[in-house]
Amino acid sequence: MTSKKVRVLVGSPIYQKPHILQKFLLSLKRLDTEGKELAYFFIDDNEDERSSKMLEDFSQEQNNDKLLASNQSDVYVCNGTTHYWNENLVWKVADFKNMIIEHAIKEQ
């Protein structure tokens, strides 16, 4: 008897420093996916080209991946203590997350 795999979508807007993104992507590669069909949907909102290249490389390695460029530029400031959000950033990220949710619904 063949059991049906659980489908899981890992989705997120990505705006990250390369050294942190590298660890995140490595952790995704190490996930135990037994019994699961994993898919990815990332929105590349990086300013650092190295981070964008890492996401592109990860996307090409995966069988079930969707990668979109945000093509939006906003000033986003974070320091060792906190992240500074403005209204435009909040709505931009909300729109990105809505895109991911709509994709999940469409693909069931």
N, C-alpha and C. Protein backbone atom coordinates (compact mmCIF):
# COMPACT_ATOMS: atom_id res chain seq x y z
N MET A 1 0.84 -1.18 0.00
CA MET A 1 0.00 0.00 0.00
C MET A 1 0.88 1.24 0.00
N THR A 2 0.61 2.15 -0.92
CA THR A 2 1.38 3.38 -1.03
C THR A 2 0.69 4.48 -0.25
N SER A 3 1.42 5.11 0.66
CA SER A 3 0.83 6.22 1.41
C SER A 3 1.13 7.53 0.69
N LYS A 4 0.17 8.42 0.73
CA LYS A 4 0.31 9.71 0.06
C LYS A 4 1.21 10.61 0.90
N LYS A 5 2.13 11.30 0.24
CA LYS A 5 3.03 12.21 0.94
C LYS A 5 2.30 13.48 1.34
N VAL A 6 2.67 14.02 2.48
CA VAL A 6 2.15 15.30 2.94
C VAL A 6 2.88 16.39 2.15
N ARG A 7 2.12 17.31 1.59
CA ARG A 7 2.72 18.41 0.82
C ARG A 7 2.94 19.61 1.73
N VAL A 8 4.16 20.16 1.67
CA VAL A 8 4.54 21.28 2.52
C VAL A 8 5.15 22.37 1.64
N LEU A 9 4.65 23.60 1.80
CA LEU A 9 5.21 24.75 1.11
C LEU A 9 5.98 25.59 2.12
N VAL A 10 7.27 25.80 1.84
CA VAL A 10 8.09 26.71 2.63
C VAL A 10 8.18 27.99 1.82
N GLY A 11 7.58 29.06 2.32
CA GLY A 11 7.55 30.30 1.57
C GLY A 11 7.91 31.49 2.43
N SER A 12 8.63 32.45 1.81
CA SER A 12 9.02 33.63 2.56
C SER A 12 9.58 34.69 1.63
N PRO A 13 9.34 35.95 1.96
CA PRO A 13 10.15 37.00 1.34
C PRO A 13 11.54 36.90 1.96
N ILE A 14 12.59 37.12 1.16
CA ILE A 14 13.95 37.00 1.66
C ILE A 14 14.69 38.32 1.47
N TYR A 15 15.10 38.88 2.59
CA TYR A 15 15.98 40.06 2.63
C TYR A 15 16.98 39.74 3.73
N GLN A 16 18.16 39.27 3.32
CA GLN A 16 19.06 38.76 4.35
C GLN A 16 20.52 38.94 3.94
N LYS A 17 21.35 39.07 4.95
CA LYS A 17 22.80 39.13 4.73
C LYS A 17 23.27 37.75 4.29
N PRO A 18 24.27 37.71 3.38
CA PRO A 18 24.71 36.42 2.84
C PRO A 18 25.10 35.39 3.89
N HIS A 19 25.83 35.76 4.93
CA HIS A 19 26.29 34.76 5.90
C HIS A 19 25.12 34.16 6.69
N ILE A 20 24.06 34.90 6.88
CA ILE A 20 22.88 34.37 7.57
C ILE A 20 22.03 33.55 6.61
N LEU A 21 21.86 34.05 5.39
CA LEU A 21 21.09 33.32 4.38
C LEU A 21 21.72 31.97 4.09
N GLN A 22 23.03 31.92 4.04
CA GLN A 22 23.72 30.65 3.78
C GLN A 22 23.34 29.60 4.82
N LYS A 23 23.30 29.99 6.07
CA LYS A 23 22.94 29.05 7.15
C LYS A 23 21.47 28.63 7.04
N PHE A 24 20.61 29.58 6.69
CA PHE A 24 19.18 29.27 6.52
C PHE A 24 18.98 28.25 5.39
N LEU A 25 19.60 28.49 4.25
CA LEU A 25 19.43 27.57 3.11
C LEU A 25 20.03 26.20 3.42
N LEU A 26 21.14 26.17 4.13
CA LEU A 26 21.72 24.90 4.53
C LEU A 26 20.77 24.14 5.45
N SER A 27 20.11 24.86 6.35
CA SER A 27 19.17 24.18 7.25
C SER A 27 18.00 23.59 6.46
N LEU A 28 17.57 24.26 5.40
CA LEU A 28 16.49 23.71 4.56
C LEU A 28 16.94 22.43 3.86
N LYS A 29 18.18 22.43 3.40
CA LYS A 29 18.70 21.23 2.73
C LYS A 29 18.79 20.04 3.67
N ARG A 30 18.93 20.32 4.97
CA ARG A 30 19.10 19.25 5.96
C ARG A 30 17.78 18.78 6.58
N LEU A 31 16.68 19.34 6.16
CA LEU A 31 15.38 18.93 6.72
C LEU A 31 15.10 17.46 6.42
N ASP A 32 14.49 16.79 7.36
CA ASP A 32 14.03 15.41 7.15
C ASP A 32 12.74 15.50 6.35
N THR A 33 12.79 15.08 5.11
CA THR A 33 11.63 15.19 4.23
C THR A 33 10.95 13.84 3.97
N GLU A 34 11.31 12.85 4.74
CA GLU A 34 10.69 11.54 4.55
C GLU A 34 9.18 11.64 4.74
N GLY A 35 8.44 11.15 3.75
CA GLY A 35 6.98 11.19 3.79
C GLY A 35 6.39 12.54 3.44
N LYS A 36 7.24 13.45 2.99
CA LYS A 36 6.77 14.80 2.66
C LYS A 36 7.22 15.19 1.26
N GLU A 37 6.38 15.95 0.60
CA GLU A 37 6.74 16.56 -0.67
C GLU A 37 6.94 18.04 -0.40
N LEU A 38 8.19 18.47 -0.42
CA LEU A 38 8.54 19.84 -0.06
C LEU A 38 8.63 20.71 -1.29
N ALA A 39 8.05 21.90 -1.21
CA ALA A 39 8.16 22.91 -2.26
C ALA A 39 8.55 24.23 -1.61
N TYR A 40 9.19 25.08 -2.40
CA TYR A 40 9.65 26.36 -1.91
C TYR A 40 9.08 27.49 -2.77
N PHE A 41 8.79 28.61 -2.12
CA PHE A 41 8.38 29.82 -2.82
C PHE A 41 9.04 30.99 -2.10
N PHE A 42 10.08 31.53 -2.72
CA PHE A 42 10.79 32.65 -2.13
C PHE A 42 10.64 33.88 -3.00
N ILE A 43 10.53 35.02 -2.35
CA ILE A 43 10.52 36.30 -3.05
C ILE A 43 11.82 37.00 -2.68
N ASP A 44 12.66 37.19 -3.69
CA ASP A 44 13.97 37.77 -3.49
C ASP A 44 13.84 39.29 -3.37
N ASP A 45 14.01 39.77 -2.14
CA ASP A 45 13.93 41.20 -1.87
C ASP A 45 15.29 41.73 -1.40
N ASN A 46 16.34 41.00 -1.74
CA ASN A 46 17.69 41.35 -1.29
C ASN A 46 18.25 42.55 -2.03
N GLU A 47 19.07 43.29 -1.31
CA GLU A 47 19.86 44.35 -1.93
C GLU A 47 21.25 43.84 -2.27
N ASP A 48 21.72 42.86 -1.54
CA ASP A 48 23.05 42.30 -1.74
C ASP A 48 22.98 41.24 -2.83
N GLU A 49 23.71 41.47 -3.90
CA GLU A 49 23.69 40.55 -5.04
C GLU A 49 24.16 39.14 -4.66
N ARG A 50 25.02 39.04 -3.65
CA ARG A 50 25.49 37.72 -3.21
C ARG A 50 24.32 36.91 -2.65
N SER A 51 23.44 37.56 -1.92
CA SER A 51 22.26 36.86 -1.37
C SER A 51 21.33 36.44 -2.50
N SER A 52 21.13 37.31 -3.47
CA SER A 52 20.28 36.96 -4.61
C SER A 52 20.85 35.77 -5.37
N LYS A 53 22.18 35.75 -5.54
CA LYS A 53 22.83 34.64 -6.23
C LYS A 53 22.67 33.33 -5.45
N MET A 54 22.76 33.40 -4.13
CA MET A 54 22.58 32.21 -3.29
C MET A 54 21.17 31.66 -3.45
N LEU A 55 20.18 32.55 -3.47
CA LEU A 55 18.79 32.11 -3.65
C LEU A 55 18.60 31.49 -5.03
N GLU A 56 19.19 32.10 -6.05
CA GLU A 56 19.09 31.56 -7.40
C GLU A 56 19.72 30.18 -7.49
N ASP A 57 20.89 30.01 -6.88
CA ASP A 57 21.57 28.71 -6.88
C ASP A 57 20.72 27.66 -6.15
N PHE A 58 20.17 28.03 -5.00
CA PHE A 58 19.32 27.11 -4.25
C PHE A 58 18.11 26.71 -5.10
N SER A 59 17.51 27.68 -5.75
CA SER A 59 16.34 27.43 -6.58
C SER A 59 16.65 26.43 -7.70
N GLN A 60 17.81 26.58 -8.31
CA GLN A 60 18.18 25.68 -9.40
C GLN A 60 18.46 24.26 -8.92
N GLU A 61 18.86 24.12 -7.65
CA GLU A 61 19.14 22.80 -7.09
C GLU A 61 17.87 22.04 -6.73
N GLN A 62 16.79 22.75 -6.51
CA GLN A 62 15.55 22.13 -6.02
C GLN A 62 14.66 21.73 -7.20
N ASN A 63 13.91 20.65 -7.01
CA ASN A 63 13.00 20.20 -8.05
C ASN A 63 11.68 20.96 -8.04
N ASN A 64 11.29 21.44 -6.89
CA ASN A 64 9.97 22.06 -6.75
C ASN A 64 10.14 23.42 -6.07
N ASP A 65 10.52 24.43 -6.87
CA ASP A 65 10.86 25.72 -6.30
C ASP A 65 10.33 26.84 -7.18
N LYS A 66 9.90 27.91 -6.52
CA LYS A 66 9.47 29.11 -7.23
C LYS A 66 10.22 30.28 -6.61
N LEU A 67 10.86 31.07 -7.44
CA LEU A 67 11.62 32.22 -6.99
C LEU A 67 11.22 33.42 -7.82
N LEU A 68 10.76 34.46 -7.14
CA LEU A 68 10.38 35.71 -7.81
C LEU A 68 11.26 36.84 -7.30
N ALA A 69 11.60 37.75 -8.19
CA ALA A 69 12.31 38.97 -7.77
C ALA A 69 11.25 40.00 -7.38
N SER A 70 11.49 40.68 -6.27
CA SER A 70 10.49 41.64 -5.82
C SER A 70 10.47 42.90 -6.68
N ASN A 71 11.63 43.27 -7.22
CA ASN A 71 11.75 44.48 -8.04
C ASN A 71 11.27 45.73 -7.30
N GLN A 72 11.36 45.71 -5.99
CA GLN A 72 11.00 46.86 -5.17
C GLN A 72 12.20 47.23 -4.32
N SER A 73 12.38 48.51 -4.12
CA SER A 73 13.49 48.97 -3.31
C SER A 73 12.96 49.88 -2.21
N ASP A 74 13.25 49.51 -0.99
CA ASP A 74 12.85 50.30 0.16
C ASP A 74 14.01 50.38 1.13
N VAL A 75 14.02 51.40 1.92
CA VAL A 75 15.03 51.50 2.96
C VAL A 75 14.56 50.69 4.16
N TYR A 76 15.35 49.69 4.48
CA TYR A 76 15.03 48.82 5.61
C TYR A 76 16.24 48.82 6.53
N VAL A 77 16.05 49.27 7.74
CA VAL A 77 17.16 49.42 8.67
C VAL A 77 16.98 48.44 9.83
N CYS A 78 18.05 47.70 10.10
CA CYS A 78 18.07 46.87 11.30
C CYS A 78 19.46 46.97 11.89
N ASN A 79 19.49 46.86 13.20
CA ASN A 79 20.78 46.88 13.87
C ASN A 79 20.82 45.70 14.83
N GLY A 80 21.76 45.67 15.72
CA GLY A 80 21.89 44.56 16.65
C GLY A 80 20.77 44.45 17.66
N THR A 81 19.92 45.48 17.73
CA THR A 81 18.87 45.52 18.73
C THR A 81 17.48 45.29 18.15
N THR A 82 17.19 45.95 17.03
CA THR A 82 15.82 45.89 16.51
C THR A 82 15.78 46.12 15.00
N HIS A 83 14.61 45.92 14.45
CA HIS A 83 14.33 46.22 13.04
C HIS A 83 13.41 47.44 13.02
N TYR A 84 13.64 48.33 12.08
CA TYR A 84 12.83 49.54 11.98
C TYR A 84 11.89 49.41 10.78
N TRP A 85 10.60 49.35 11.07
CA TRP A 85 9.58 49.16 10.04
C TRP A 85 8.84 50.48 9.80
N ASN A 86 8.52 50.73 8.53
CA ASN A 86 7.62 51.82 8.22
C ASN A 86 6.40 51.23 7.53
N GLU A 87 5.40 52.04 7.30
CA GLU A 87 4.14 51.53 6.75
C GLU A 87 4.33 50.88 5.38
N ASN A 88 5.17 51.48 4.52
CA ASN A 88 5.40 50.90 3.19
C ASN A 88 6.00 49.49 3.28
N LEU A 89 6.95 49.31 4.20
CA LEU A 89 7.55 47.99 4.36
C LEU A 89 6.54 46.96 4.85
N VAL A 90 5.69 47.37 5.79
CA VAL A 90 4.68 46.45 6.32
C VAL A 90 3.76 45.99 5.20
N TRP A 91 3.29 46.92 4.38
CA TRP A 91 2.37 46.55 3.30
C TRP A 91 3.06 45.76 2.20
N LYS A 92 4.34 46.07 1.95
CA LYS A 92 5.08 45.31 0.94
C LYS A 92 5.20 43.85 1.37
N VAL A 93 5.59 43.62 2.62
CA VAL A 93 5.74 42.25 3.12
C VAL A 93 4.37 41.56 3.18
N ALA A 94 3.33 42.28 3.54
CA ALA A 94 1.98 41.70 3.56
C ALA A 94 1.59 41.26 2.15
N ASP A 95 1.89 42.06 1.15
CA ASP A 95 1.59 41.68 -0.24
C ASP A 95 2.38 40.44 -0.65
N PHE A 96 3.65 40.39 -0.25
CA PHE A 96 4.47 39.21 -0.57
C PHE A 96 3.86 37.96 0.07
N LYS A 97 3.48 38.07 1.32
CA LYS A 97 2.91 36.91 2.01
C LYS A 97 1.57 36.51 1.41
N ASN A 98 0.77 37.46 0.97
CA ASN A 98 -0.48 37.14 0.28
C ASN A 98 -0.21 36.38 -1.02
N MET A 99 0.84 36.76 -1.74
CA MET A 99 1.20 36.03 -2.96
C MET A 99 1.54 34.58 -2.64
N ILE A 100 2.25 34.36 -1.56
CA ILE A 100 2.64 33.00 -1.17
C ILE A 100 1.41 32.20 -0.76
N ILE A 101 0.51 32.82 -0.01
CA ILE A 101 -0.73 32.14 0.39
C ILE A 101 -1.58 31.79 -0.83
N GLU A 102 -1.70 32.73 -1.77
CA GLU A 102 -2.48 32.47 -2.99
C GLU A 102 -1.87 31.31 -3.78
N HIS A 103 -0.54 31.25 -3.84
CA HIS A 103 0.15 30.15 -4.52
C HIS A 103 -0.16 28.82 -3.83
N ALA A 104 -0.10 28.83 -2.50
CA ALA A 104 -0.40 27.60 -1.74
C ALA A 104 -1.82 27.11 -2.00
N ILE A 105 -2.75 28.02 -2.03
CA ILE A 105 -4.15 27.66 -2.29
C ILE A 105 -4.30 27.12 -3.71
N LYS A 106 -3.70 27.81 -4.66
CA LYS A 106 -3.79 27.38 -6.08
C LYS A 106 -3.20 26.00 -6.29
N GLU A 107 -2.08 25.72 -5.62
CA GLU A 107 -1.39 24.43 -5.80
C GLU A 107 -1.87 23.37 -4.81
N GLN A 108 -2.82 23.74 -3.96
CA GLN A 108 -3.38 22.85 -2.95
C GLN A 108 -2.30 22.28 -2.03
